[in-house]
């Protein structure tokens, strides 16, 4: 799916610059996102700044259950909420990046459940 690129950008921004594994970086970034509204806002803003083709926005709109015009904003916000709350794990990101698969946890978070 094309919105994998958007997920990878959000994940990359949340990552800390170090020599640790991606999973460790992901796990280390969660407390920062939990405690810092400005860090969350920066990741969301970067997510929102990405250009996406109309068909990708249609796919995102399907998952977030919205009109295309609101899809990217809801996607970015819900993704951040899911990561910070622990409902989206590194395994969910890994499935998206390596297997091009949307996990049930990711679907639930994106649908606002």
N, C-alpha and C. Protein backbone atom coordinates (compact mmCIF):
# COMPACT_ATOMS: atom_id res chain seq x y z
N UNK A 1 0.83 -1.18 0.00
CA UNK A 1 0.00 0.00 0.00
C UNK A 1 0.88 1.24 0.00
N UNK A 2 0.38 2.26 -0.62
CA UNK A 2 1.20 3.46 -0.78
C UNK A 2 1.33 4.28 0.48
N UNK A 3 0.40 4.16 1.40
CA UNK A 3 0.55 4.99 2.60
C UNK A 3 1.60 4.44 3.54
N UNK A 4 2.25 3.36 3.15
CA UNK A 4 3.39 2.84 3.91
C UNK A 4 4.48 3.90 3.95
N UNK A 5 4.63 4.65 2.87
CA UNK A 5 5.62 5.72 2.85
C UNK A 5 5.34 6.74 3.94
N UNK A 6 4.09 7.09 4.13
CA UNK A 6 3.72 8.03 5.17
C UNK A 6 4.04 7.46 6.55
N UNK A 7 3.78 6.19 6.74
CA UNK A 7 4.12 5.55 8.01
C UNK A 7 5.62 5.56 8.24
N UNK A 8 6.37 5.29 7.20
CA UNK A 8 7.82 5.25 7.37
C UNK A 8 8.37 6.63 7.71
N UNK A 9 7.78 7.67 7.17
CA UNK A 9 8.23 9.03 7.49
C UNK A 9 7.93 9.34 8.95
N UNK A 10 6.75 8.99 9.41
CA UNK A 10 6.41 9.23 10.81
C UNK A 10 7.34 8.45 11.73
N UNK A 11 7.62 7.22 11.38
CA UNK A 11 8.53 6.40 12.19
C UNK A 11 9.94 6.97 12.19
N UNK A 12 10.41 7.38 11.03
CA UNK A 12 11.76 7.93 10.92
C UNK A 12 11.91 9.18 11.76
N UNK A 13 10.91 10.05 11.74
CA UNK A 13 10.98 11.27 12.54
C UNK A 13 11.00 10.96 14.03
N UNK A 14 10.32 9.92 14.41
CA UNK A 14 10.26 9.56 15.83
C UNK A 14 11.54 8.89 16.30
N UNK A 15 12.32 8.39 15.36
CA UNK A 15 13.54 7.67 15.71
C UNK A 15 14.63 8.60 16.22
N UNK A 16 15.41 8.10 17.14
CA UNK A 16 16.57 8.85 17.64
C UNK A 16 17.79 8.49 16.83
N UNK A 17 18.67 9.45 16.63
CA UNK A 17 19.89 9.20 15.86
C UNK A 17 20.90 8.46 16.75
N UNK A 18 21.04 7.17 16.51
CA UNK A 18 21.98 6.37 17.27
C UNK A 18 22.32 5.11 16.49
N UNK A 19 23.17 4.29 17.08
CA UNK A 19 23.59 3.05 16.43
C UNK A 19 22.77 1.86 16.90
N UNK A 20 21.67 2.09 17.57
CA UNK A 20 20.86 1.00 18.07
C UNK A 20 19.98 0.44 16.95
N UNK A 21 19.37 -0.68 17.22
CA UNK A 21 18.48 -1.29 16.23
C UNK A 21 17.24 -0.43 16.04
N UNK A 22 16.54 -0.66 14.96
CA UNK A 22 15.31 0.09 14.70
C UNK A 22 14.28 -0.15 15.79
N UNK A 23 14.20 -1.38 16.26
CA UNK A 23 13.22 -1.67 17.32
C UNK A 23 13.57 -0.92 18.60
N UNK A 24 14.84 -0.89 18.97
CA UNK A 24 15.25 -0.15 20.17
C UNK A 24 14.99 1.34 19.99
N UNK A 25 15.26 1.84 18.81
CA UNK A 25 15.00 3.25 18.53
C UNK A 25 13.52 3.56 18.65
N UNK A 26 12.70 2.70 18.10
CA UNK A 26 11.25 2.86 18.19
C UNK A 26 10.81 2.89 19.65
N UNK A 27 11.29 1.92 20.42
CA UNK A 27 10.91 1.83 21.82
C UNK A 27 11.41 3.04 22.63
N UNK A 28 12.59 3.53 22.32
CA UNK A 28 13.14 4.69 23.04
C UNK A 28 12.38 5.97 22.71
N UNK A 29 11.82 6.05 21.52
CA UNK A 29 11.13 7.28 21.11
C UNK A 29 9.74 7.40 21.73
N UNK A 30 9.14 6.31 22.15
CA UNK A 30 7.78 6.36 22.69
C UNK A 30 7.68 7.23 23.94
N UNK A 31 8.56 7.07 24.94
CA UNK A 31 8.46 7.96 26.11
C UNK A 31 8.63 9.43 25.76
N UNK A 32 9.48 9.71 24.78
CA UNK A 32 9.66 11.10 24.35
C UNK A 32 8.35 11.64 23.78
N UNK A 33 7.71 10.85 22.95
CA UNK A 33 6.44 11.28 22.36
C UNK A 33 5.34 11.41 23.42
N UNK A 34 5.35 10.51 24.40
CA UNK A 34 4.36 10.59 25.47
C UNK A 34 4.49 11.87 26.28
N UNK A 35 5.72 12.25 26.57
CA UNK A 35 5.97 13.38 27.47
C UNK A 35 6.03 14.72 26.76
N UNK A 36 6.21 14.73 25.46
CA UNK A 36 6.43 15.99 24.77
C UNK A 36 5.36 16.27 23.71
N UNK A 37 4.41 17.14 24.05
CA UNK A 37 3.43 17.53 23.04
C UNK A 37 4.08 18.16 21.80
N UNK A 38 5.18 18.87 22.01
CA UNK A 38 5.84 19.49 20.86
C UNK A 38 6.48 18.44 19.96
N UNK A 39 7.02 17.37 20.52
CA UNK A 39 7.58 16.29 19.71
C UNK A 39 6.48 15.62 18.90
N UNK A 40 5.35 15.36 19.54
CA UNK A 40 4.20 14.77 18.82
C UNK A 40 3.75 15.71 17.70
N UNK A 41 3.66 16.99 18.01
CA UNK A 41 3.21 17.97 17.01
C UNK A 41 4.17 18.03 15.83
N UNK A 42 5.46 17.92 16.09
CA UNK A 42 6.45 17.95 15.01
C UNK A 42 6.31 16.73 14.10
N UNK A 43 6.12 15.57 14.70
CA UNK A 43 5.95 14.36 13.90
C UNK A 43 4.67 14.44 13.08
N UNK A 44 3.61 14.91 13.69
CA UNK A 44 2.33 15.04 12.97
C UNK A 44 2.47 16.06 11.85
N UNK A 45 3.13 17.19 12.12
CA UNK A 45 3.31 18.21 11.08
C UNK A 45 4.11 17.67 9.90
N UNK A 46 5.15 16.90 10.19
CA UNK A 46 5.96 16.31 9.12
C UNK A 46 5.12 15.30 8.33
N UNK A 47 4.35 14.54 9.03
CA UNK A 47 3.45 13.57 8.39
C UNK A 47 2.48 14.31 7.45
N UNK A 48 1.91 15.40 7.92
CA UNK A 48 0.95 16.17 7.13
C UNK A 48 1.59 16.86 5.94
N UNK A 49 2.88 17.14 6.01
CA UNK A 49 3.54 17.87 4.93
C UNK A 49 3.87 17.00 3.72
N UNK A 50 3.71 15.71 3.86
CA UNK A 50 4.05 14.79 2.77
C UNK A 50 2.99 14.82 1.68
N UNK A 51 3.44 14.91 0.45
CA UNK A 51 2.53 14.86 -0.70
C UNK A 51 2.14 13.42 -0.97
N UNK A 52 0.87 13.19 -1.15
CA UNK A 52 0.38 11.85 -1.45
C UNK A 52 -0.51 11.90 -2.69
N UNK A 53 -0.40 10.89 -3.55
CA UNK A 53 -1.28 10.85 -4.71
C UNK A 53 -2.73 10.62 -4.28
N UNK A 54 -3.67 11.03 -5.11
CA UNK A 54 -5.10 10.89 -4.77
C UNK A 54 -5.52 9.47 -4.43
N UNK A 55 -4.96 8.48 -5.13
CA UNK A 55 -5.36 7.09 -4.84
C UNK A 55 -4.89 6.65 -3.46
N UNK A 56 -3.75 7.14 -3.01
CA UNK A 56 -3.27 6.83 -1.67
C UNK A 56 -4.17 7.49 -0.63
N UNK A 57 -4.55 8.73 -0.90
CA UNK A 57 -5.48 9.41 0.02
C UNK A 57 -6.81 8.69 0.09
N UNK A 58 -7.25 8.12 -1.02
CA UNK A 58 -8.49 7.33 -1.01
C UNK A 58 -8.35 6.10 -0.12
N UNK A 59 -7.20 5.43 -0.19
CA UNK A 59 -6.96 4.27 0.66
C UNK A 59 -6.95 4.67 2.13
N UNK A 60 -6.27 5.75 2.43
CA UNK A 60 -6.21 6.23 3.81
C UNK A 60 -7.61 6.61 4.28
N UNK A 61 -8.37 7.30 3.43
CA UNK A 61 -9.74 7.71 3.78
C UNK A 61 -10.59 6.49 4.13
N UNK A 62 -10.38 5.40 3.41
CA UNK A 62 -11.11 4.17 3.71
C UNK A 62 -10.81 3.70 5.13
N UNK A 63 -9.53 3.66 5.49
CA UNK A 63 -9.14 3.17 6.81
C UNK A 63 -9.55 4.11 7.94
N UNK A 64 -9.47 5.40 7.73
CA UNK A 64 -9.81 6.33 8.81
C UNK A 64 -11.29 6.72 8.78
N UNK A 65 -12.02 6.21 7.78
CA UNK A 65 -13.45 6.44 7.65
C UNK A 65 -13.78 7.94 7.56
N UNK A 66 -13.20 8.58 6.56
CA UNK A 66 -13.44 10.00 6.39
C UNK A 66 -13.42 10.37 4.91
N UNK A 67 -13.69 11.63 4.66
CA UNK A 67 -13.54 12.17 3.32
C UNK A 67 -12.05 12.32 3.03
N UNK A 68 -11.69 12.33 1.78
CA UNK A 68 -10.29 12.47 1.39
C UNK A 68 -9.67 13.73 1.97
N UNK A 69 -10.43 14.81 2.05
CA UNK A 69 -9.90 16.08 2.54
C UNK A 69 -9.44 16.02 4.00
N UNK A 70 -10.01 15.14 4.79
CA UNK A 70 -9.65 15.01 6.20
C UNK A 70 -8.79 13.78 6.49
N UNK A 71 -8.61 12.95 5.49
CA UNK A 71 -7.97 11.64 5.70
C UNK A 71 -6.55 11.74 6.23
N UNK A 72 -5.73 12.59 5.63
CA UNK A 72 -4.33 12.64 6.04
C UNK A 72 -4.20 13.14 7.48
N UNK A 73 -4.97 14.16 7.84
CA UNK A 73 -4.91 14.69 9.21
C UNK A 73 -5.31 13.62 10.22
N UNK A 74 -6.41 12.93 9.96
CA UNK A 74 -6.85 11.87 10.87
C UNK A 74 -5.84 10.73 10.93
N UNK A 75 -5.31 10.37 9.78
CA UNK A 75 -4.31 9.32 9.73
C UNK A 75 -3.11 9.65 10.61
N UNK A 76 -2.56 10.83 10.44
CA UNK A 76 -1.37 11.23 11.20
C UNK A 76 -1.66 11.30 12.70
N UNK A 77 -2.80 11.87 13.05
CA UNK A 77 -3.16 11.98 14.47
C UNK A 77 -3.40 10.62 15.09
N UNK A 78 -4.13 9.78 14.41
CA UNK A 78 -4.44 8.46 14.97
C UNK A 78 -3.21 7.57 15.03
N UNK A 79 -2.35 7.69 14.05
CA UNK A 79 -1.11 6.92 14.08
C UNK A 79 -0.29 7.31 15.30
N UNK A 80 -0.15 8.60 15.53
CA UNK A 80 0.61 9.08 16.69
C UNK A 80 -0.05 8.60 17.98
N UNK A 81 -1.35 8.71 18.08
CA UNK A 81 -2.07 8.26 19.27
C UNK A 81 -1.86 6.77 19.50
N UNK A 82 -1.89 6.00 18.44
CA UNK A 82 -1.69 4.55 18.56
C UNK A 82 -0.30 4.18 19.03
N UNK A 83 0.69 4.89 18.53
CA UNK A 83 2.07 4.61 18.94
C UNK A 83 2.26 4.99 20.40
N UNK A 84 1.82 6.20 20.76
CA UNK A 84 2.00 6.69 22.12
C UNK A 84 1.24 5.84 23.14
N UNK A 85 0.07 5.36 22.77
CA UNK A 85 -0.73 4.55 23.70
C UNK A 85 -0.25 3.11 23.80
N UNK A 86 0.63 2.71 22.88
CA UNK A 86 1.12 1.34 22.88
C UNK A 86 0.25 0.39 22.09
N UNK A 87 -0.77 0.89 21.44
CA UNK A 87 -1.65 0.03 20.65
C UNK A 87 -1.03 -0.36 19.31
N UNK A 88 -0.09 0.45 18.84
CA UNK A 88 0.67 0.12 17.63
C UNK A 88 2.09 -0.20 18.08
N UNK A 89 2.52 -1.38 17.76
CA UNK A 89 3.84 -1.84 18.20
C UNK A 89 4.85 -1.77 17.05
N UNK A 90 6.08 -2.04 17.41
CA UNK A 90 7.12 -2.13 16.38
C UNK A 90 6.78 -3.25 15.39
N UNK A 91 6.21 -4.32 15.89
CA UNK A 91 5.83 -5.43 15.00
C UNK A 91 4.82 -4.98 13.94
N UNK A 92 3.93 -4.07 14.31
CA UNK A 92 2.97 -3.53 13.34
C UNK A 92 3.70 -2.74 12.25
N UNK A 93 4.67 -1.91 12.67
CA UNK A 93 5.46 -1.16 11.70
C UNK A 93 6.27 -2.11 10.82
N UNK A 94 6.87 -3.09 11.44
CA UNK A 94 7.69 -4.04 10.68
C UNK A 94 6.84 -4.77 9.64
N UNK A 95 5.64 -5.17 10.02
CA UNK A 95 4.75 -5.83 9.07
C UNK A 95 4.44 -4.91 7.89
N UNK A 96 4.23 -3.64 8.19
CA UNK A 96 3.93 -2.68 7.13
C UNK A 96 5.12 -2.51 6.19
N UNK A 97 6.32 -2.35 6.75
CA UNK A 97 7.50 -2.06 5.95
C UNK A 97 8.00 -3.26 5.18
N UNK A 98 8.07 -4.41 5.83
CA UNK A 98 8.68 -5.57 5.21
C UNK A 98 7.70 -6.44 4.45
N UNK A 99 6.49 -6.55 4.97
CA UNK A 99 5.52 -7.45 4.35
C UNK A 99 4.42 -6.73 3.59
N UNK A 100 4.42 -5.39 3.67
CA UNK A 100 3.39 -4.57 3.02
C UNK A 100 2.00 -5.02 3.47
N UNK A 101 1.89 -5.26 4.78
CA UNK A 101 0.67 -5.78 5.37
C UNK A 101 0.15 -4.81 6.42
N UNK A 102 -1.15 -4.59 6.42
CA UNK A 102 -1.79 -3.75 7.43
C UNK A 102 -2.31 -4.69 8.52
N UNK A 103 -1.79 -4.55 9.72
CA UNK A 103 -2.16 -5.44 10.81
C UNK A 103 -3.51 -5.08 11.40
N UNK A 104 -4.15 -6.01 12.08
CA UNK A 104 -5.43 -5.71 12.74
C UNK A 104 -5.32 -4.56 13.75
N UNK A 105 -4.21 -4.50 14.48
CA UNK A 105 -4.03 -3.40 15.45
C UNK A 105 -3.96 -2.07 14.74
N UNK A 106 -3.26 -2.02 13.63
CA UNK A 106 -3.16 -0.78 12.87
C UNK A 106 -4.51 -0.38 12.30
N UNK A 107 -5.24 -1.32 11.77
CA UNK A 107 -6.58 -1.04 11.23
C UNK A 107 -7.48 -0.48 12.34
N UNK A 108 -7.45 -1.11 13.51
CA UNK A 108 -8.30 -0.65 14.62
C UNK A 108 -7.96 0.77 15.01
N UNK A 109 -6.69 1.07 15.12
CA UNK A 109 -6.27 2.43 15.51
C UNK A 109 -6.68 3.44 14.45
N UNK A 110 -6.45 3.12 13.20
CA UNK A 110 -6.79 4.04 12.13
C UNK A 110 -8.30 4.28 12.02
N UNK A 111 -9.07 3.27 12.36
CA UNK A 111 -10.52 3.43 12.33
C UNK A 111 -11.05 4.16 13.57
N UNK A 112 -10.15 4.46 14.50
CA UNK A 112 -10.56 5.21 15.68
C UNK A 112 -11.18 4.36 16.76
N UNK A 113 -10.91 3.09 16.75
CA UNK A 113 -11.47 2.20 17.77
C UNK A 113 -10.62 2.18 19.00
